[in-house]
Amino acid sequence: MASWQRRLDRETPGQEVPMPSTGRALVCVWGELRGIRAAAESMRRHLLEPLDAEALVFAQHQLDDDVERVGFLQDVLAPRLLDVRLYDKPRPEDFFGAAQWAAMAKVQGTKVRGNWCNPGNIQVLMNHSKLGEYLRSSGMLERYELFVFTRSDLLHVLPFPSTADMLAVLGPLDVITQAGHEFGGVNYNFIVMRRALVEHYLQGPHAIIASAGVRNASKTYNIERFMGLVLLERQWRNLRMPVTCFITADQLNDRSTWKKIKSSGARGGLLFKYAAQMDEAYRNLEVWERRRAWIGLKPPRRFQVEEIHGCAVRPFALLLEDPGSHWAQGGGGGGSGSCEAAEPVWENGGAARLSGCPAGGALGGGRWQCLGGFLRCWSLFLSVGLSGSEPSSRSDPEREK
């Protein structure tokens, strides 16, 4: 217990960082240690093992039983758990500088509007910045090729692609997020990228705040849209993949900054925050069970998606089912919805098969059909596009607050 307790010290400088084993990928868990008793085993089985990845937990002190939660993570994730660092939450005016914080946030009148700076979300932005500094100063940034940044309470229901497969579809300026939960910006809850982008991504929000760098202060920024500014500033491309996980919890009364935890009677009391996210993950699990294969596409393919809050076009780098040769060959529909010629990069390590245009299939759990040379997908995604996509027809007013 003593050696593990040392890892809970507040920012102990100069502490030796454990060396990784053979992995090329690092999964970084940020935020508060929510939902880990419900989610940690699925993270090990469906994320760390398929990626052959190590894990780093860089989280905030918040819960009364944080020490016990760390012990639980050690038991479940070992030997892949490299390190756990917990720190006390700083005040934003101390972290960013009082003048810069006053210029950006709701101090002495409205400056940059939106929920990006509420007490919970601003801690997310500071957590990202502190994590970026730690990865750089510890030398861990140079040890891995692929990085995954995730909150702790995501329940994974099907296996993730391998590290080699992810690197095969990620371009030098690409990030991959799970389709949905975008709310006009970027689904930062689970995001994958190459090493070269990591420091700029994690330090991006700090740089924007420290320099009061929001060009269009007349807009309202939820945290998803604020994180999207980082991608837009550097002209990165946000690729998508089907949903493989959803936000869960340990108990119904668990701490939540937005939306109450609910219980699914149809799934034996399984806890969730967003029903559409959970249902999409389990529909995708059904698709996975039919084929047990991922298909990677390079260049990515655009899907016109009808979502809860409107329609948008999304670039996808990963699929769960073969969309058919009609789509792959361009189809002939023309216009903004027409298909591009495609060559699958891999199908679970082998050559992908493209044949036929079936009457039904799946990006993930959603339905699709070949219509006039393009693929249209109807799905219960919770997303509204920004980087690498055409804008949605409308956004979610609740997320603007």
Foldseek 3Di string as FASTA:
>chain_A
DVVQVVLADACDPPDAFDDADPAQEEEEAEEAQFQQVPAVLQCQPAPCVQAVAAYEYQYEPDDPCSVVSVVVNCVRNPPRHRGYYYHYQDDPCVVLPVVLCCQQPCDPHHHQAFACPDPRNVSVLVRLLVVLVCCVVNVVLVRHFKYKYAHNQKHFDHHDHYNVLVVLAADQQEKEDAFFPQQQAAPNRIIMHTSVCRNLLSCVLSVCSNVVPDPPSVDFDFNRRSSRVSCVVVQGFYAYAHQGIFGFGDDQPDDDPDAGWDFDVVVPRTIHRDPQSVVRNVLLVVLCVVPVKKWFKPPFKWEFEQEPFFIKIHTHGIASDAQAVCQQCFVQLDDPQTHDHIAIPDISNHGDDHHDHDQWDTSGSWTWGQDSHHIYTYGHGNHADDGNMGGGPGGDVVRSD
